[in-house]
Amino acid sequence: MVAENVAFWIIAAAMAGAAIGVVRTQNVVHAALFLVVVLAGAAAQYILLAAEFVAWVQVLVYIGAIVILFLFGIMLTRAPMRGDTELDNDQRWIAAVTALFVLGVLVFLLVDAFGDRAIKVDDSLRAVGLSQHVADSIFRTYVMPFEIVSMLLLAALVGAVAIARRD
């Protein structure tokens, strides 16, 4: 259990650093690559939770499709890689105070809800993450939202191609 905790914190630190990189970089391609690190970290966290199917879906759908869609949209629209103007303002301290406040509220709520109770992971909990249960949930209960999202992504890709072809 100690090795899983160490792996969790290493992956979480890498995800947090990459998430900061997403919002701090001025290059949109670098931001998309930082996003790949964040999404790969989420897949690794799913593997730690013994939800291998969800981890592979994370890799295939989010890293394989969404990020590639972002990169195609960036390349096809010929958007400038770096902005000409400085987008910084004087609200960093307000944002930092707000972020610390939200962090404090979340920590308080989690400690109040769970305290020092240990979560026991047994075979009945692992069975919930099996691919059969997840596939039944997606393709029986949530098949319409799944198809609507796929059509939305297709429309975004067609729109990016149409904008790029207006030369």
Protein backbone atom coordinates (compact mmCIF):
# COMPACT_ATOMS: atom_id res chain seq x y z
CA MET A 1 0.00 0.00 0.00
CA VAL A 2 2.92 2.35 0.64
CA ALA A 3 4.21 1.95 -2.92
CA GLU A 4 0.78 2.87 -4.29
CA ASN A 5 0.71 6.00 -2.13
CA VAL A 6 4.18 7.03 -3.30
CA ALA A 7 3.19 6.42 -6.93
CA PHE A 8 0.00 8.44 -6.41
CA TRP A 9 1.88 11.46 -5.04
CA ILE A 10 4.55 11.33 -7.76
CA ILE A 11 1.89 11.20 -10.48
CA ALA A 12 -0.18 13.89 -8.76
CA ALA A 13 2.85 16.21 -8.54
CA ALA A 14 3.61 15.66 -12.23
CA MET A 15 -0.03 16.37 -13.10
CA ALA A 16 -0.08 19.53 -10.99
CA GLY A 17 3.14 20.78 -12.57
CA ALA A 18 1.83 20.08 -16.07
CA ALA A 19 -1.51 21.74 -15.24
CA ILE A 20 0.38 24.86 -14.20
CA GLY A 21 2.32 24.58 -17.46
CA VAL A 22 -0.96 24.49 -19.42
CA VAL A 23 -2.10 27.82 -18.05
CA ARG A 24 1.32 29.50 -17.83
CA THR A 25 2.77 28.84 -21.27
CA GLN A 26 2.19 31.29 -24.07
CA ASN A 27 2.67 28.72 -26.83
CA VAL A 28 -0.54 26.85 -27.65
CA VAL A 29 1.28 23.76 -28.90
CA HIS A 30 3.23 23.54 -25.65
CA ALA A 31 -0.05 23.94 -23.75
CA ALA A 32 -1.52 21.00 -25.68
CA LEU A 33 1.55 18.90 -24.87
CA PHE A 34 1.31 19.81 -21.18
CA LEU A 35 -2.33 18.72 -21.42
CA VAL A 36 -1.15 15.34 -22.70
CA VAL A 37 0.92 14.93 -19.51
CA VAL A 38 -2.09 15.80 -17.34
CA LEU A 39 -4.36 13.36 -19.16
CA ALA A 40 -1.72 10.59 -19.07
CA GLY A 41 -1.40 11.17 -15.33
CA ALA A 42 -5.15 10.75 -14.96
CA ALA A 43 -4.88 7.44 -16.83
CA ALA A 44 -2.09 6.37 -14.49
CA GLN A 45 -4.28 7.25 -11.50
CA TYR A 46 -7.03 5.06 -12.94
CA ILE A 47 -4.56 2.20 -13.20
CA LEU A 48 -3.71 2.69 -9.53
CA LEU A 49 -7.43 2.40 -8.79
CA ALA A 50 -7.58 -0.93 -10.70
CA ALA A 51 -9.85 0.56 -13.39
CA GLU A 52 -7.82 -0.49 -16.41
CA PHE A 53 -10.68 -0.09 -18.87
CA VAL A 54 -11.26 3.51 -17.88
CA ALA A 55 -7.50 4.14 -18.08
CA TRP A 56 -7.34 2.86 -21.65
CA VAL A 57 -10.41 4.86 -22.61
CA GLN A 58 -8.67 7.91 -21.13
CA VAL A 59 -5.62 7.23 -23.29
CA LEU A 60 -7.52 6.45 -26.48
CA VAL A 61 -10.26 9.06 -26.29
CA TYR A 62 -8.68 11.99 -24.53
CA ILE A 63 -5.03 11.71 -25.49
CA GLY A 64 -5.59 10.03 -28.82
CA ALA A 65 -8.55 12.04 -30.01
CA ILE A 66 -9.11 15.27 -28.10
CA VAL A 67 -5.49 16.44 -28.03
CA ILE A 68 -5.00 15.48 -31.67
CA LEU A 69 -8.17 17.44 -32.46
CA PHE A 70 -6.70 20.45 -30.62
CA LEU A 71 -3.43 20.17 -32.51
CA PHE A 72 -5.20 19.79 -35.88
CA GLY A 73 -7.36 22.80 -35.07
CA ILE A 74 -4.28 24.83 -34.19
CA MET A 75 -2.45 23.80 -37.34
CA LEU A 76 -5.38 24.09 -39.73
CA THR A 77 -6.48 27.54 -38.58
CA ARG A 78 -2.92 28.86 -38.84
CA ALA A 79 -3.34 30.57 -35.50
CA PRO A 80 -0.27 32.42 -34.26
CA MET A 81 1.72 30.28 -31.88
CA ARG A 82 2.48 33.17 -29.56
CA GLY A 83 0.41 36.25 -28.86
CA ASP A 84 1.65 39.68 -29.90
CA THR A 85 0.43 41.39 -26.76
CA GLU A 86 1.10 40.77 -23.12
CA LEU A 87 -2.00 39.19 -21.57
CA ASP A 88 -0.95 39.71 -17.96
CA ASN A 89 -2.85 41.87 -15.49
CA ASP A 90 -2.67 42.91 -11.85
CA GLN A 91 -5.10 40.35 -10.45
CA ARG A 92 -2.58 37.68 -9.45
CA TRP A 93 -2.94 38.31 -5.72
CA ILE A 94 -6.73 38.16 -5.88
CA ALA A 95 -6.48 34.90 -7.82
CA ALA A 96 -3.98 33.47 -5.32
CA VAL A 97 -6.17 34.37 -2.34
CA THR A 98 -9.23 32.89 -4.06
CA ALA A 99 -7.33 29.70 -4.90
CA LEU A 100 -6.12 29.31 -1.32
CA PHE A 101 -9.65 29.88 -0.03
CA VAL A 102 -11.07 27.22 -2.37
CA LEU A 103 -8.26 24.83 -1.37
CA GLY A 104 -9.06 25.41 2.31
CA VAL A 105 -12.76 24.77 1.76
CA LEU A 106 -12.04 21.54 -0.15
CA VAL A 107 -9.58 20.30 2.48
CA PHE A 108 -12.06 21.07 5.25
CA LEU A 109 -14.88 19.27 3.43
CA LEU A 110 -12.77 16.19 2.69
CA VAL A 111 -11.38 15.96 6.21
CA ASP A 112 -14.86 16.45 7.65
CA ALA A 113 -16.34 13.81 5.35
CA PHE A 114 -13.66 11.13 5.64
CA GLY A 115 -11.46 12.06 8.59
CA ASP A 116 -8.85 9.42 9.23
CA ARG A 117 -10.94 6.48 8.05
CA ALA A 118 -9.13 4.05 5.77
CA ILE A 119 -10.82 3.06 2.55
CA LYS A 120 -10.69 -0.70 2.14
CA VAL A 121 -10.24 -1.89 -1.42
CA ASP A 122 -11.46 -5.46 -1.76
CA ASP A 123 -12.56 -7.64 -4.66
CA SER A 124 -16.16 -6.40 -4.59
CA LEU A 125 -14.94 -2.85 -5.18
CA ARG A 126 -12.55 -3.96 -7.92
CA ALA A 127 -15.41 -5.71 -9.72
CA VAL A 128 -17.12 -2.35 -10.26
CA GLY A 129 -14.28 -1.22 -12.53
CA LEU A 130 -14.43 -4.26 -14.80
CA SER A 131 -14.87 -3.52 -18.46
CA GLN A 132 -18.20 -5.37 -18.59
CA HIS A 133 -19.84 -3.07 -16.04
CA VAL A 134 -18.35 0.06 -17.60
CA ALA A 135 -19.34 -0.99 -21.13
CA ASP A 136 -22.88 -1.78 -19.98
CA SER A 137 -23.10 1.65 -18.39
CA ILE A 138 -21.78 3.49 -21.45
CA PHE A 139 -23.52 1.58 -24.22
CA ARG A 140 -26.87 1.00 -22.54
CA THR A 141 -27.51 3.90 -20.20
CA TYR A 142 -25.39 6.68 -21.73
CA VAL A 143 -25.35 5.78 -25.42
CA MET A 144 -27.07 9.01 -26.54
CA PRO A 145 -24.71 11.43 -24.74
CA PHE A 146 -21.79 9.32 -26.02
CA GLU A 147 -22.98 9.69 -29.62
CA ILE A 148 -23.81 13.39 -29.21
CA VAL A 149 -20.27 14.10 -27.98
CA SER A 150 -18.80 12.20 -30.93
CA MET A 151 -20.93 14.25 -33.35
CA LEU A 152 -19.89 17.46 -31.60
CA LEU A 153 -16.21 16.56 -31.99
CA LEU A 154 -16.73 15.71 -35.65
CA ALA A 155 -18.47 19.06 -36.20
CA ALA A 156 -15.56 20.87 -34.52
CA LEU A 157 -13.05 19.15 -36.80
CA VAL A 158 -15.11 19.93 -39.93
CA GLY A 159 -15.45 23.54 -38.76
CA ALA A 160 -11.68 23.85 -38.31
CA VAL A 161 -11.10 22.49 -41.82
CA ALA A 162 -13.72 24.87 -43.25
CA ILE A 163 -12.13 27.88 -41.54
CA ALA A 164 -8.70 26.86 -42.76
CA ARG A 165 -9.88 26.41 -46.38
CA ARG A 166 -11.34 29.94 -46.73
CA ASP A 167 -8.14 31.22 -48.37
